[in-house]
């Protein structure tokens, strides 16, 4: 089992609509999101989905820009 994954709002919406929270839990010990993502999702999340703020906002911007390029 993988220890963790970092997720965005689209991921949470998809697994919620497909009712896959238990399958994701079987794959990952922890899923990390930001507080902003938790607020965008608007639904209660399991305790193993952890909302934290990144320690380095600049690194987060670089990662986000790389993912958006496809």
N, C-alpha and C. Protein backbone atom coordinates (compact mmCIF):
# COMPACT_ATOMS: atom_id res chain seq x y z
N UNK A 1 0.84 -1.18 0.00
CA UNK A 1 0.00 0.00 0.00
C UNK A 1 0.89 1.24 0.00
N UNK A 2 0.52 2.22 -0.81
CA UNK A 2 1.23 3.48 -0.83
C UNK A 2 0.89 4.28 0.41
N UNK A 3 1.84 5.06 0.87
CA UNK A 3 1.62 5.81 2.09
C UNK A 3 0.70 7.00 1.89
N UNK A 4 0.92 7.77 0.81
CA UNK A 4 0.10 8.96 0.65
C UNK A 4 -0.03 9.36 -0.81
N UNK A 5 -0.99 10.22 -1.05
CA UNK A 5 -1.20 10.83 -2.36
C UNK A 5 -1.67 12.26 -2.11
N UNK A 6 -1.37 13.14 -3.04
CA UNK A 6 -1.84 14.52 -2.96
C UNK A 6 -2.97 14.66 -3.97
N UNK A 7 -4.09 15.23 -3.55
CA UNK A 7 -5.28 15.26 -4.40
C UNK A 7 -5.80 16.68 -4.58
N UNK A 8 -6.60 16.84 -5.63
CA UNK A 8 -7.27 18.12 -5.85
C UNK A 8 -8.78 17.92 -5.80
N UNK A 9 -9.51 19.00 -6.00
CA UNK A 9 -10.97 18.95 -5.88
C UNK A 9 -11.59 17.99 -6.90
N UNK A 10 -11.07 17.99 -8.12
CA UNK A 10 -11.61 17.11 -9.16
C UNK A 10 -11.52 15.64 -8.75
N UNK A 11 -10.40 15.27 -8.15
CA UNK A 11 -10.22 13.91 -7.66
C UNK A 11 -11.29 13.56 -6.62
N UNK A 12 -11.48 14.46 -5.65
CA UNK A 12 -12.47 14.20 -4.60
C UNK A 12 -13.87 14.09 -5.16
N UNK A 13 -14.23 14.96 -6.09
CA UNK A 13 -15.56 14.93 -6.70
C UNK A 13 -15.76 13.61 -7.44
N UNK A 14 -14.76 13.20 -8.20
CA UNK A 14 -14.87 11.95 -8.96
C UNK A 14 -15.03 10.74 -8.05
N UNK A 15 -14.19 10.62 -7.01
CA UNK A 15 -14.33 9.43 -6.17
C UNK A 15 -15.62 9.46 -5.35
N UNK A 16 -16.12 10.65 -5.04
CA UNK A 16 -17.39 10.75 -4.32
C UNK A 16 -18.54 10.32 -5.24
N UNK A 17 -18.57 10.81 -6.47
CA UNK A 17 -19.63 10.47 -7.41
C UNK A 17 -19.61 8.98 -7.77
N UNK A 18 -18.43 8.42 -7.86
CA UNK A 18 -18.29 7.00 -8.20
C UNK A 18 -18.33 6.10 -6.97
N UNK A 19 -18.47 6.71 -5.80
CA UNK A 19 -18.52 5.99 -4.52
C UNK A 19 -17.29 5.09 -4.33
N UNK A 20 -16.12 5.69 -4.52
CA UNK A 20 -14.87 4.94 -4.44
C UNK A 20 -14.01 5.28 -3.24
N UNK A 21 -14.56 5.96 -2.25
CA UNK A 21 -13.76 6.32 -1.08
C UNK A 21 -13.14 5.08 -0.43
N UNK A 22 -13.87 4.00 -0.31
CA UNK A 22 -13.31 2.81 0.36
C UNK A 22 -12.19 2.19 -0.47
N UNK A 23 -12.30 2.23 -1.79
CA UNK A 23 -11.24 1.69 -2.64
C UNK A 23 -9.98 2.56 -2.57
N UNK A 24 -10.17 3.88 -2.53
CA UNK A 24 -9.02 4.77 -2.40
C UNK A 24 -8.33 4.54 -1.05
N UNK A 25 -9.13 4.34 -0.03
CA UNK A 25 -8.58 4.07 1.31
C UNK A 25 -7.77 2.79 1.31
N UNK A 26 -8.19 1.80 0.54
CA UNK A 26 -7.44 0.54 0.46
C UNK A 26 -6.09 0.74 -0.22
N UNK A 27 -5.97 1.76 -1.06
CA UNK A 27 -4.73 2.01 -1.78
C UNK A 27 -3.77 2.94 -1.04
N UNK A 28 -4.31 3.88 -0.27
CA UNK A 28 -3.49 4.92 0.35
C UNK A 28 -3.78 5.04 1.84
N UNK A 29 -2.74 5.17 2.63
CA UNK A 29 -2.91 5.42 4.06
C UNK A 29 -3.46 6.81 4.31
N UNK A 30 -2.97 7.77 3.53
CA UNK A 30 -3.37 9.17 3.72
C UNK A 30 -3.50 9.85 2.37
N UNK A 31 -4.46 10.77 2.28
CA UNK A 31 -4.62 11.63 1.12
C UNK A 31 -4.51 13.06 1.64
N UNK A 32 -3.64 13.85 1.02
CA UNK A 32 -3.44 15.23 1.46
C UNK A 32 -4.06 16.21 0.48
N UNK A 33 -4.74 17.19 1.04
CA UNK A 33 -5.33 18.27 0.27
C UNK A 33 -5.05 19.58 1.02
N UNK A 34 -5.29 20.69 0.35
CA UNK A 34 -5.19 21.98 1.04
C UNK A 34 -6.56 22.32 1.63
N UNK A 35 -6.57 23.28 2.52
CA UNK A 35 -7.82 23.73 3.11
C UNK A 35 -8.74 24.30 2.03
N UNK A 36 -8.16 24.98 1.05
CA UNK A 36 -8.95 25.53 -0.05
C UNK A 36 -9.69 24.43 -0.81
N UNK A 37 -9.02 23.32 -1.04
CA UNK A 37 -9.65 22.19 -1.73
C UNK A 37 -10.78 21.63 -0.88
N UNK A 38 -10.58 21.51 0.42
CA UNK A 38 -11.63 21.02 1.32
C UNK A 38 -12.84 21.94 1.27
N UNK A 39 -12.61 23.24 1.24
CA UNK A 39 -13.71 24.20 1.16
C UNK A 39 -14.43 24.11 -0.19
N UNK A 40 -13.70 23.92 -1.27
CA UNK A 40 -14.31 23.77 -2.59
C UNK A 40 -15.16 22.51 -2.67
N UNK A 41 -14.70 21.44 -2.04
CA UNK A 41 -15.42 20.16 -2.07
C UNK A 41 -16.74 20.25 -1.32
N UNK A 42 -16.77 20.96 -0.23
CA UNK A 42 -17.96 21.29 0.55
C UNK A 42 -18.63 20.14 1.30
N UNK A 43 -18.21 18.92 1.10
CA UNK A 43 -18.80 17.78 1.81
C UNK A 43 -17.84 17.30 2.90
N UNK A 44 -18.38 16.59 3.85
CA UNK A 44 -17.54 16.02 4.91
C UNK A 44 -16.58 15.00 4.31
N UNK A 45 -15.37 15.00 4.82
CA UNK A 45 -14.34 14.09 4.32
C UNK A 45 -13.95 13.09 5.39
N UNK A 46 -13.56 11.88 4.98
CA UNK A 46 -13.07 10.91 5.96
C UNK A 46 -11.84 11.44 6.68
N UNK A 47 -11.56 10.93 7.87
CA UNK A 47 -10.45 11.41 8.68
C UNK A 47 -9.09 11.15 8.04
N UNK A 48 -8.99 10.23 7.12
CA UNK A 48 -7.72 9.92 6.47
C UNK A 48 -7.42 10.86 5.30
N UNK A 49 -8.36 11.74 4.96
CA UNK A 49 -8.09 12.81 4.00
C UNK A 49 -7.76 14.03 4.83
N UNK A 50 -6.52 14.48 4.73
CA UNK A 50 -5.98 15.48 5.65
C UNK A 50 -5.76 16.80 4.93
N UNK A 51 -6.38 17.85 5.45
CA UNK A 51 -6.22 19.19 4.88
C UNK A 51 -5.07 19.90 5.60
N UNK A 52 -4.04 20.25 4.85
CA UNK A 52 -2.90 21.00 5.39
C UNK A 52 -2.54 22.10 4.40
N UNK A 53 -1.81 23.06 4.89
CA UNK A 53 -1.32 24.12 4.02
C UNK A 53 0.13 23.82 3.64
N UNK A 54 0.49 24.08 2.39
CA UNK A 54 1.87 23.82 1.97
C UNK A 54 2.85 24.73 2.72
N UNK A 55 4.03 24.20 3.00
CA UNK A 55 5.06 24.97 3.70
C UNK A 55 5.73 25.99 2.78
N UNK A 56 5.72 25.69 1.48
CA UNK A 56 6.39 26.57 0.53
C UNK A 56 5.44 26.86 -0.63
N UNK A 57 4.83 28.03 -0.63
CA UNK A 57 3.85 28.41 -1.64
C UNK A 57 4.48 28.47 -3.03
N UNK A 58 5.75 28.81 -3.13
CA UNK A 58 6.42 28.88 -4.44
C UNK A 58 6.54 27.49 -5.07
N UNK A 59 6.87 26.50 -4.28
CA UNK A 59 6.95 25.13 -4.79
C UNK A 59 5.56 24.68 -5.24
N UNK A 60 4.55 25.01 -4.48
CA UNK A 60 3.18 24.66 -4.86
C UNK A 60 2.82 25.28 -6.21
N UNK A 61 3.18 26.52 -6.44
CA UNK A 61 2.88 27.19 -7.72
C UNK A 61 3.57 26.48 -8.88
N UNK A 62 4.82 26.09 -8.68
CA UNK A 62 5.56 25.39 -9.74
C UNK A 62 4.91 24.05 -10.04
N UNK A 63 4.57 23.31 -9.01
CA UNK A 63 3.92 22.01 -9.22
C UNK A 63 2.59 22.17 -9.94
N UNK A 64 1.81 23.12 -9.52
CA UNK A 64 0.50 23.34 -10.14
C UNK A 64 0.65 23.75 -11.61
N UNK A 65 1.60 24.59 -11.92
CA UNK A 65 1.79 25.02 -13.31
C UNK A 65 2.26 23.85 -14.18
N UNK A 66 3.08 22.94 -13.63
CA UNK A 66 3.51 21.77 -14.39
C UNK A 66 2.37 20.81 -14.68
N UNK A 67 1.47 20.63 -13.74
CA UNK A 67 0.33 19.74 -13.93
C UNK A 67 -0.65 20.30 -14.95
N UNK A 68 -0.81 21.58 -14.98
CA UNK A 68 -1.78 22.20 -15.89
C UNK A 68 -1.33 22.17 -17.34
N UNK A 69 -0.05 22.00 -17.57
CA UNK A 69 0.44 21.96 -18.95
C UNK A 69 0.07 20.68 -19.66
N UNK A 70 -0.17 19.63 -18.87
CA UNK A 70 -0.57 18.36 -19.45
C UNK A 70 0.57 17.66 -20.02
